C-alpha cells in the first residue's frame, strides 16, 4: 500500500476529517437559506416586471386598435366625433381604459382631406403598479396611439 505523507495528505484519519472539503449538513442548509434570501427578491421583481409589461403591452395594442377603428369611422362620410368615440369605446376591452380614455379628432371636412384620430389612456388604468417599490412607476404615464387616413 502506497502512503503519501505531507501537508496535503495527512496520515491519520483524525487529521483527514479536519481537512474534509464537504460542509456539514447544518452549514449547507444555512448556505441555501442565504442564497434564497438573496435571490428571492430578484426573482419576485422579475416576475412582477413580466406580468406588468405584458398587461401594458396588451393595453397598448387595444389603444392602437381603437385608434385605427376610430379613424376608419371618421374617414367615412358622416363620421363625427360621437360616432368615433362610440367606436373607440366599443374597441377598448378593459374597464379602466373605457372609463378614462380621451379621443381627439382632427381634419376631414372634405373628401381627400386627412383625418387624424388620437386615443390616450393612462397606463395605471391598464395594469397594477407592481414595480413602484423598485422605482418604476406607471403613475402619470400614458398610452398614446394616432392613426391618419384619407377622408372618403
N, C-alpha and C. Protein backbone atom coordinates (compact mmCIF):
# COMPACT_ATOMS: atom_id res chain seq x y z
N UNK A 1 0.84 -1.16 0.00
CA UNK A 1 0.00 0.00 0.00
C UNK A 1 0.89 1.23 0.00
N UNK A 2 0.53 2.15 -0.88
CA UNK A 2 1.30 3.37 -1.02
C UNK A 2 0.76 4.42 -0.08
N UNK A 3 1.62 4.98 0.76
CA UNK A 3 1.21 6.03 1.68
C UNK A 3 1.96 7.30 1.35
N UNK A 4 1.19 8.32 1.12
CA UNK A 4 1.79 9.62 0.86
C UNK A 4 1.57 10.48 2.08
N UNK A 5 2.63 11.08 2.53
CA UNK A 5 2.51 11.94 3.70
C UNK A 5 2.96 13.34 3.34
N UNK A 6 2.39 14.26 4.02
CA UNK A 6 2.73 15.65 3.79
C UNK A 6 1.57 16.54 4.20
N UNK A 7 1.67 17.85 4.00
CA UNK A 7 0.61 18.75 4.45
C UNK A 7 -0.70 18.56 3.69
N UNK A 8 -0.65 18.09 2.46
CA UNK A 8 -1.88 17.91 1.69
C UNK A 8 -2.54 16.57 1.99
N UNK A 9 -1.80 15.59 2.46
CA UNK A 9 -2.32 14.26 2.71
C UNK A 9 -1.98 13.85 4.13
N UNK A 10 -2.80 14.21 5.12
CA UNK A 10 -2.49 13.84 6.50
C UNK A 10 -2.52 12.32 6.68
N UNK A 11 -1.73 11.83 7.58
CA UNK A 11 -1.58 10.39 7.77
C UNK A 11 -2.68 9.81 8.63
N UNK A 12 -3.20 10.55 9.56
CA UNK A 12 -4.18 9.98 10.49
C UNK A 12 -5.60 10.34 10.05
N UNK A 13 -6.57 9.46 10.35
CA UNK A 13 -7.96 9.75 10.00
C UNK A 13 -8.50 10.98 10.71
N UNK A 14 -8.02 11.26 11.91
CA UNK A 14 -8.48 12.43 12.64
C UNK A 14 -8.11 13.71 11.90
N UNK A 15 -6.88 13.76 11.39
CA UNK A 15 -6.46 14.92 10.62
C UNK A 15 -7.18 14.97 9.28
N UNK A 16 -7.46 13.82 8.69
CA UNK A 16 -8.15 13.78 7.41
C UNK A 16 -9.55 14.36 7.54
N UNK A 17 -10.23 14.11 8.64
CA UNK A 17 -11.57 14.64 8.86
C UNK A 17 -11.54 16.16 8.96
N UNK A 18 -10.47 16.71 9.51
CA UNK A 18 -10.37 18.15 9.64
C UNK A 18 -10.19 18.81 8.27
N UNK A 19 -9.53 18.14 7.33
CA UNK A 19 -9.29 18.69 6.00
C UNK A 19 -10.38 18.30 5.00
N UNK A 20 -11.44 17.69 5.44
CA UNK A 20 -12.53 17.30 4.54
C UNK A 20 -13.18 18.54 3.95
N UNK A 21 -13.35 18.56 2.63
CA UNK A 21 -13.87 19.74 1.94
C UNK A 21 -15.39 19.82 1.96
N UNK A 22 -16.06 18.75 2.33
CA UNK A 22 -17.52 18.76 2.33
C UNK A 22 -18.05 19.50 3.55
N UNK A 23 -18.97 20.46 3.35
CA UNK A 23 -19.54 21.16 4.50
C UNK A 23 -20.53 20.27 5.24
N UNK A 24 -20.76 20.59 6.48
CA UNK A 24 -21.72 19.80 7.27
C UNK A 24 -23.14 20.11 6.81
N UNK A 25 -24.09 19.30 7.28
CA UNK A 25 -25.48 19.49 6.86
C UNK A 25 -26.05 20.82 7.34
N UNK A 26 -25.75 21.22 8.53
CA UNK A 26 -26.27 22.48 9.05
C UNK A 26 -25.70 23.66 8.28
N UNK A 27 -24.45 23.56 7.88
CA UNK A 27 -23.83 24.64 7.12
C UNK A 27 -24.41 24.69 5.71
N UNK A 28 -24.69 23.55 5.10
CA UNK A 28 -25.30 23.51 3.78
C UNK A 28 -26.69 24.14 3.82
N UNK A 29 -27.48 23.82 4.83
CA UNK A 29 -28.81 24.42 4.97
C UNK A 29 -28.75 25.92 5.15
N UNK A 30 -27.77 26.39 5.89
CA UNK A 30 -27.62 27.83 6.10
C UNK A 30 -27.24 28.52 4.79
N UNK A 31 -26.39 27.89 4.00
CA UNK A 31 -26.00 28.48 2.73
C UNK A 31 -27.18 28.56 1.76
N UNK A 32 -27.98 27.49 1.72
CA UNK A 32 -29.15 27.50 0.84
C UNK A 32 -30.15 28.56 1.27
N UNK A 33 -30.33 28.72 2.56
CA UNK A 33 -31.24 29.75 3.07
C UNK A 33 -30.74 31.13 2.70
N UNK A 34 -29.46 31.35 2.83
CA UNK A 34 -28.89 32.65 2.48
C UNK A 34 -29.02 32.93 0.98
N UNK A 35 -28.81 31.93 0.15
CA UNK A 35 -28.98 32.10 -1.29
C UNK A 35 -30.43 32.43 -1.63
N UNK A 36 -31.37 31.77 -0.96
CA UNK A 36 -32.78 32.03 -1.18
C UNK A 36 -33.15 33.45 -0.76
N UNK A 37 -32.63 33.90 0.36
CA UNK A 37 -32.91 35.25 0.84
C UNK A 37 -32.39 36.29 -0.14
N UNK A 38 -31.24 36.04 -0.75
CA UNK A 38 -30.68 37.00 -1.70
C UNK A 38 -31.35 36.93 -3.07
N UNK A 39 -31.75 35.76 -3.51
CA UNK A 39 -32.27 35.60 -4.87
C UNK A 39 -33.79 35.82 -4.97
N UNK A 40 -34.52 35.58 -3.90
CA UNK A 40 -35.98 35.66 -3.96
C UNK A 40 -36.48 37.06 -4.33
N UNK A 41 -35.99 38.15 -3.76
CA UNK A 41 -36.48 39.47 -4.19
C UNK A 41 -36.21 39.75 -5.67
N UNK A 42 -35.09 39.29 -6.18
CA UNK A 42 -34.80 39.48 -7.60
C UNK A 42 -35.77 38.70 -8.47
N UNK A 43 -36.06 37.48 -8.08
CA UNK A 43 -37.00 36.66 -8.85
C UNK A 43 -38.42 37.22 -8.79
N UNK A 44 -38.83 37.70 -7.63
CA UNK A 44 -40.17 38.30 -7.49
C UNK A 44 -40.25 39.58 -8.33
N UNK A 45 -39.21 40.40 -8.28
CA UNK A 45 -39.19 41.61 -9.10
C UNK A 45 -39.25 41.29 -10.58
N UNK A 46 -38.55 40.26 -11.01
CA UNK A 46 -38.58 39.85 -12.41
C UNK A 46 -39.96 39.35 -12.80
N UNK A 47 -40.60 38.57 -11.94
CA UNK A 47 -41.95 38.09 -12.20
C UNK A 47 -42.93 39.25 -12.30
N UNK A 48 -42.85 40.21 -11.37
CA UNK A 48 -43.72 41.39 -11.42
C UNK A 48 -43.50 42.17 -12.71
N UNK A 49 -42.24 42.31 -13.14
CA UNK A 49 -41.94 43.05 -14.37
C UNK A 49 -42.54 42.36 -15.59
N UNK A 50 -42.45 41.06 -15.64
CA UNK A 50 -43.01 40.31 -16.77
C UNK A 50 -44.52 40.48 -16.83
N UNK A 51 -45.19 40.36 -15.68
CA UNK A 51 -46.65 40.49 -15.64
C UNK A 51 -47.07 41.90 -16.01
N UNK A 52 -46.41 42.89 -15.42
CA UNK A 52 -46.79 44.28 -15.67
C UNK A 52 -46.55 44.68 -17.13
N UNK A 53 -45.42 44.33 -17.67
CA UNK A 53 -45.13 44.69 -19.06
C UNK A 53 -46.06 43.96 -20.03
N UNK A 54 -46.45 42.75 -19.70
CA UNK A 54 -47.42 42.03 -20.53
C UNK A 54 -48.77 42.73 -20.54
N UNK A 55 -49.22 43.18 -19.38
CA UNK A 55 -50.51 43.89 -19.31
C UNK A 55 -50.45 45.23 -20.02
N UNK A 56 -49.35 45.94 -19.88
CA UNK A 56 -49.19 47.23 -20.57
C UNK A 56 -49.12 47.02 -22.08
N UNK A 57 -48.43 45.97 -22.53
CA UNK A 57 -48.35 45.68 -23.95
C UNK A 57 -49.73 45.38 -24.52
N UNK A 58 -50.52 44.58 -23.79
CA UNK A 58 -51.87 44.26 -24.24
C UNK A 58 -52.74 45.52 -24.32
N UNK A 59 -52.65 46.39 -23.31
CA UNK A 59 -53.42 47.62 -23.32
C UNK A 59 -52.97 48.55 -24.45
N UNK A 60 -51.68 48.59 -24.72
CA UNK A 60 -51.17 49.41 -25.82
C UNK A 60 -51.74 48.91 -27.15
N UNK A 61 -51.82 47.61 -27.32
CA UNK A 61 -52.40 47.04 -28.53
C UNK A 61 -53.87 47.44 -28.65
N UNK A 62 -54.61 47.42 -27.54
CA UNK A 62 -56.01 47.81 -27.57
C UNK A 62 -56.18 49.28 -27.95
N UNK A 63 -55.31 50.13 -27.41
CA UNK A 63 -55.38 51.56 -27.73
C UNK A 63 -55.07 51.79 -29.21
N UNK A 64 -54.08 51.08 -29.75
CA UNK A 64 -53.76 51.20 -31.18
C UNK A 64 -54.95 50.77 -32.04
N UNK A 65 -55.56 49.64 -31.70
CA UNK A 65 -56.69 49.16 -32.48
C UNK A 65 -57.88 50.11 -32.37
N UNK A 66 -58.09 50.70 -31.20
CA UNK A 66 -59.17 51.67 -31.03
C UNK A 66 -58.93 52.90 -31.90
N UNK A 67 -57.68 53.31 -32.01
CA UNK A 67 -57.34 54.44 -32.87
C UNK A 67 -57.61 54.12 -34.34
N UNK A 68 -57.27 52.94 -34.78
CA UNK A 68 -57.49 52.53 -36.17
C UNK A 68 -58.99 52.45 -36.46
N UNK A 69 -59.76 51.85 -35.56
CA UNK A 69 -61.21 51.74 -35.76
C UNK A 69 -61.84 53.13 -35.78
N UNK A 70 -61.42 54.00 -34.88
CA UNK A 70 -61.95 55.36 -34.86
C UNK A 70 -61.62 56.12 -36.13
N UNK A 71 -60.41 55.94 -36.66
CA UNK A 71 -60.02 56.62 -37.90
C UNK A 71 -60.83 56.08 -39.08
N UNK A 72 -61.12 54.81 -39.10
CA UNK A 72 -61.94 54.25 -40.19
C UNK A 72 -63.35 54.85 -40.17
N UNK A 73 -63.90 54.99 -38.97
CA UNK A 73 -65.23 55.58 -38.84
C UNK A 73 -65.19 57.04 -39.27
N UNK A 74 -64.15 57.76 -38.85
CA UNK A 74 -64.04 59.18 -39.19
C UNK A 74 -63.78 59.40 -40.67
N UNK A 75 -63.16 58.43 -41.34
CA UNK A 75 -62.85 58.58 -42.76
C UNK A 75 -64.08 58.41 -43.65
N UNK A 76 -65.10 57.75 -43.15
CA UNK A 76 -66.33 57.58 -43.93
C UNK A 76 -67.16 58.86 -43.88
N UNK A 77 -67.95 59.09 -44.92
CA UNK A 77 -68.83 60.27 -44.89
C UNK A 77 -69.80 60.19 -43.71
N UNK A 78 -69.97 61.30 -43.02
CA UNK A 78 -70.88 61.34 -41.87
C UNK A 78 -70.23 60.90 -40.58
N UNK A 79 -68.94 60.59 -40.59
CA UNK A 79 -68.24 60.17 -39.37
C UNK A 79 -67.93 61.38 -38.51
N UNK A 80 -68.65 61.52 -37.39
CA UNK A 80 -68.43 62.65 -36.50
C UNK A 80 -67.78 62.17 -35.20
N UNK A 81 -67.52 63.11 -34.30
CA UNK A 81 -66.82 62.79 -33.06
C UNK A 81 -67.59 61.80 -32.20
N UNK A 82 -68.91 61.91 -32.14
CA UNK A 82 -69.71 60.99 -31.33
C UNK A 82 -69.60 59.55 -31.84
N UNK A 83 -69.64 59.38 -33.17
CA UNK A 83 -69.53 58.04 -33.75
C UNK A 83 -68.13 57.47 -33.52
N UNK A 84 -67.12 58.33 -33.62
CA UNK A 84 -65.74 57.89 -33.38
C UNK A 84 -65.56 57.49 -31.92
N UNK A 85 -66.05 58.29 -30.98
CA UNK A 85 -65.93 57.95 -29.56
C UNK A 85 -66.65 56.66 -29.22
N UNK A 86 -67.82 56.43 -29.82
CA UNK A 86 -68.56 55.19 -29.59
C UNK A 86 -67.78 53.99 -30.11
N UNK A 87 -67.18 54.11 -31.30
CA UNK A 87 -66.40 53.01 -31.88
C UNK A 87 -65.16 52.74 -31.04
N UNK A 88 -64.50 53.79 -30.58
CA UNK A 88 -63.30 53.62 -29.74
C UNK A 88 -63.67 52.93 -28.43
N UNK A 89 -64.74 53.36 -27.80
CA UNK A 89 -65.16 52.75 -26.53
C UNK A 89 -65.52 51.29 -26.69
N UNK A 90 -66.16 50.93 -27.80
CA UNK A 90 -66.50 49.53 -28.05
C UNK A 90 -65.27 48.67 -28.33
N UNK A 91 -64.20 49.29 -28.83
CA UNK A 91 -62.98 48.54 -29.14
C UNK A 91 -62.14 48.29 -27.89
N UNK A 92 -62.13 49.24 -26.98
CA UNK A 92 -61.37 49.07 -25.73
C UNK A 92 -62.06 48.04 -24.87
N UNK A 93 -61.32 47.03 -24.43
CA UNK A 93 -61.92 45.92 -23.69
C UNK A 93 -61.82 46.08 -22.18
N UNK A 94 -60.77 46.71 -21.70
CA UNK A 94 -60.57 46.83 -20.26
C UNK A 94 -61.46 47.95 -19.70
N UNK A 95 -62.07 47.70 -18.56
CA UNK A 95 -62.98 48.67 -17.97
C UNK A 95 -62.27 49.98 -17.62
N UNK A 96 -61.04 49.90 -17.11
CA UNK A 96 -60.30 51.12 -16.77
C UNK A 96 -59.99 51.96 -17.98
N UNK A 97 -59.66 51.31 -19.09
CA UNK A 97 -59.39 52.05 -20.32
C UNK A 97 -60.65 52.67 -20.88
N UNK A 98 -61.78 51.97 -20.77
CA UNK A 98 -63.06 52.50 -21.26
C UNK A 98 -63.46 53.74 -20.48
N UNK A 99 -63.21 53.72 -19.18
CA UNK A 99 -63.67 54.81 -18.32
C UNK A 99 -62.82 56.07 -18.43
N UNK A 100 -61.52 55.92 -18.65
CA UNK A 100 -60.62 57.07 -18.56
C UNK A 100 -59.77 57.28 -19.82
N UNK A 101 -60.38 57.21 -20.98
CA UNK A 101 -59.64 57.47 -22.21
C UNK A 101 -60.10 58.79 -22.81
N UNK A 102 -59.27 59.35 -23.67
CA UNK A 102 -59.65 60.56 -24.40
C UNK A 102 -59.45 60.32 -25.89
N UNK A 103 -60.35 60.92 -26.68
CA UNK A 103 -60.30 60.79 -28.13
C UNK A 103 -60.21 62.19 -28.71
N UNK A 104 -59.27 62.36 -29.63
CA UNK A 104 -59.11 63.66 -30.29
C UNK A 104 -59.21 63.43 -31.80
N UNK A 105 -60.13 64.16 -32.44
CA UNK A 105 -60.37 64.03 -33.88
C UNK A 105 -59.98 65.33 -34.56
N UNK A 106 -59.19 65.23 -35.64
CA UNK A 106 -58.76 66.41 -36.40
C UNK A 106 -59.03 66.20 -37.87
N UNK A 107 -59.38 67.31 -38.56
CA UNK A 107 -59.48 67.34 -40.02
C UNK A 107 -60.64 66.56 -40.56
N UNK A 108 -60.60 66.38 -41.87
CA UNK A 108 -61.60 65.56 -42.54
C UNK A 108 -62.88 66.27 -42.90
N UNK A 109 -62.79 67.52 -43.36
CA UNK A 109 -64.01 68.24 -43.76
C UNK A 109 -64.52 67.74 -45.12
N UNK A 110 -63.62 67.53 -46.05
CA UNK A 110 -64.00 67.17 -47.42
C UNK A 110 -63.28 65.88 -47.83
N UNK A 111 -63.79 65.27 -48.90
CA UNK A 111 -63.16 64.05 -49.41
C UNK A 111 -61.72 64.34 -49.85
N UNK A 112 -60.81 63.48 -49.48
CA UNK A 112 -59.40 63.65 -49.80
C UNK A 112 -58.61 64.33 -48.70
N UNK A 113 -59.29 64.89 -47.71
CA UNK A 113 -58.60 65.50 -46.57
C UNK A 113 -58.08 64.42 -45.63
N UNK A 114 -57.05 64.78 -44.87
CA UNK A 114 -56.53 63.85 -43.87
C UNK A 114 -57.40 63.89 -42.61
N UNK A 115 -57.68 62.70 -42.09
CA UNK A 115 -58.41 62.55 -40.84
C UNK A 115 -57.47 61.92 -39.83
N UNK A 116 -57.35 62.53 -38.66
CA UNK A 116 -56.47 62.03 -37.62
C UNK A 116 -57.27 61.74 -36.36
N UNK A 117 -57.10 60.54 -35.83
CA UNK A 117 -57.73 60.16 -34.58
C UNK A 117 -56.63 59.76 -33.60
N UNK A 118 -56.64 60.40 -32.44
CA UNK A 118 -55.66 60.11 -31.39
C UNK A 118 -56.40 59.63 -30.15
N UNK A 119 -55.97 58.49 -29.62
CA UNK A 119 -56.56 57.92 -28.41
C UNK A 119 -55.50 57.90 -27.34
N UNK A 120 -55.86 58.38 -26.14
CA UNK A 120 -54.95 58.40 -24.99
C UNK A 120 -55.60 57.69 -23.82
N UNK A 121 -54.80 56.92 -23.10
CA UNK A 121 -55.27 56.23 -21.90
C UNK A 121 -54.11 56.16 -20.91
N UNK A 122 -54.44 56.15 -19.63
CA UNK A 122 -53.41 56.08 -18.59
C UNK A 122 -52.91 54.65 -18.44
N UNK A 123 -51.60 54.50 -18.28
CA UNK A 123 -51.02 53.17 -18.04
C UNK A 123 -51.49 52.59 -16.72
N UNK A 124 -51.74 53.45 -15.74
CA UNK A 124 -52.17 52.94 -14.43
C UNK A 124 -53.57 52.33 -14.51
N UNK A 125 -54.35 52.68 -15.54
CA UNK A 125 -55.65 52.03 -15.75
C UNK A 125 -55.49 50.69 -16.46
N UNK A 126 -54.36 50.48 -17.09
CA UNK A 126 -54.12 49.26 -17.85
C UNK A 126 -53.55 48.13 -17.01
N UNK A 127 -52.72 48.47 -16.00
CA UNK A 127 -52.03 47.44 -15.22
C UNK A 127 -51.82 47.93 -13.81
N UNK A 128 -51.75 47.02 -12.85
CA UNK A 128 -51.42 47.43 -11.48
C UNK A 128 -49.97 47.90 -11.42
N UNK A 129 -49.70 48.82 -10.54
CA UNK A 129 -48.35 49.40 -10.43
C UNK A 129 -47.48 48.49 -9.57
N UNK A 130 -47.05 47.37 -10.12
CA UNK A 130 -46.32 46.35 -9.37
C UNK A 130 -44.87 46.71 -9.11
N UNK A 131 -44.29 47.56 -9.93
CA UNK A 131 -42.87 47.87 -9.81
C UNK A 131 -42.59 49.20 -9.12
N UNK A 132 -43.60 49.77 -8.48
CA UNK A 132 -43.40 51.05 -7.81
C UNK A 132 -42.39 50.93 -6.68
N UNK A 133 -42.34 49.78 -6.01
CA UNK A 133 -41.38 49.60 -4.92
C UNK A 133 -39.94 49.54 -5.41
N UNK A 134 -39.74 49.34 -6.72
CA UNK A 134 -38.40 49.35 -7.30
C UNK A 134 -38.06 50.70 -7.96
N UNK A 135 -39.02 51.62 -7.96
CA UNK A 135 -38.78 52.94 -8.54
C UNK A 135 -39.28 53.09 -9.96
N UNK A 136 -39.94 52.08 -10.51
CA UNK A 136 -40.50 52.15 -11.86
C UNK A 136 -42.01 52.22 -11.73
N UNK A 137 -42.55 53.43 -11.75
CA UNK A 137 -43.98 53.62 -11.53
C UNK A 137 -44.69 53.93 -12.84
N UNK A 138 -45.93 53.47 -12.95
CA UNK A 138 -46.76 53.74 -14.11
C UNK A 138 -47.59 55.01 -13.93
N UNK A 139 -47.53 55.62 -12.76
CA UNK A 139 -48.33 56.81 -12.49
C UNK A 139 -47.93 57.93 -13.46
N UNK A 140 -48.93 58.61 -13.99
CA UNK A 140 -48.76 59.76 -14.89
C UNK A 140 -48.12 59.37 -16.23
N UNK A 141 -48.13 58.10 -16.59
CA UNK A 141 -47.65 57.66 -17.90
C UNK A 141 -48.86 57.35 -18.77
N UNK A 142 -48.77 57.65 -20.06
CA UNK A 142 -49.90 57.46 -20.96
C UNK A 142 -49.56 56.51 -22.10
N UNK A 143 -50.59 55.82 -22.55
CA UNK A 143 -50.53 55.07 -23.79
C UNK A 143 -51.17 55.95 -24.86
N UNK A 144 -50.48 56.21 -25.95
CA UNK A 144 -50.97 57.12 -26.98
C UNK A 144 -50.87 56.41 -28.33
N UNK A 145 -51.96 56.48 -29.10
CA UNK A 145 -51.95 55.94 -30.45
C UNK A 145 -52.64 56.94 -31.37
N UNK A 146 -52.06 57.14 -32.54
CA UNK A 146 -52.62 58.09 -33.50
C UNK A 146 -52.64 57.42 -34.88
N UNK A 147 -53.78 57.55 -35.54
CA UNK A 147 -53.95 56.98 -36.88
C UNK A 147 -54.43 58.08 -37.82
N UNK A 148 -53.82 58.16 -39.00
CA UNK A 148 -54.18 59.16 -40.00
C UNK A 148 -54.62 58.43 -41.27
N UNK A 149 -55.82 58.81 -41.77
CA UNK A 149 -56.36 58.23 -43.01
C UNK A 149 -56.90 59.36 -43.89
N UNK A 150 -57.19 59.03 -45.14
CA UNK A 150 -57.81 59.98 -46.06
C UNK A 150 -59.32 59.87 -45.95
N UNK A 151 -60.00 61.03 -45.92
CA UNK A 151 -61.46 61.06 -45.87
C UNK A 151 -62.02 60.61 -47.23
N UNK A 152 -63.02 59.77 -47.20
CA UNK A 152 -63.64 59.28 -48.44
C UNK A 152 -64.69 60.25 -48.93
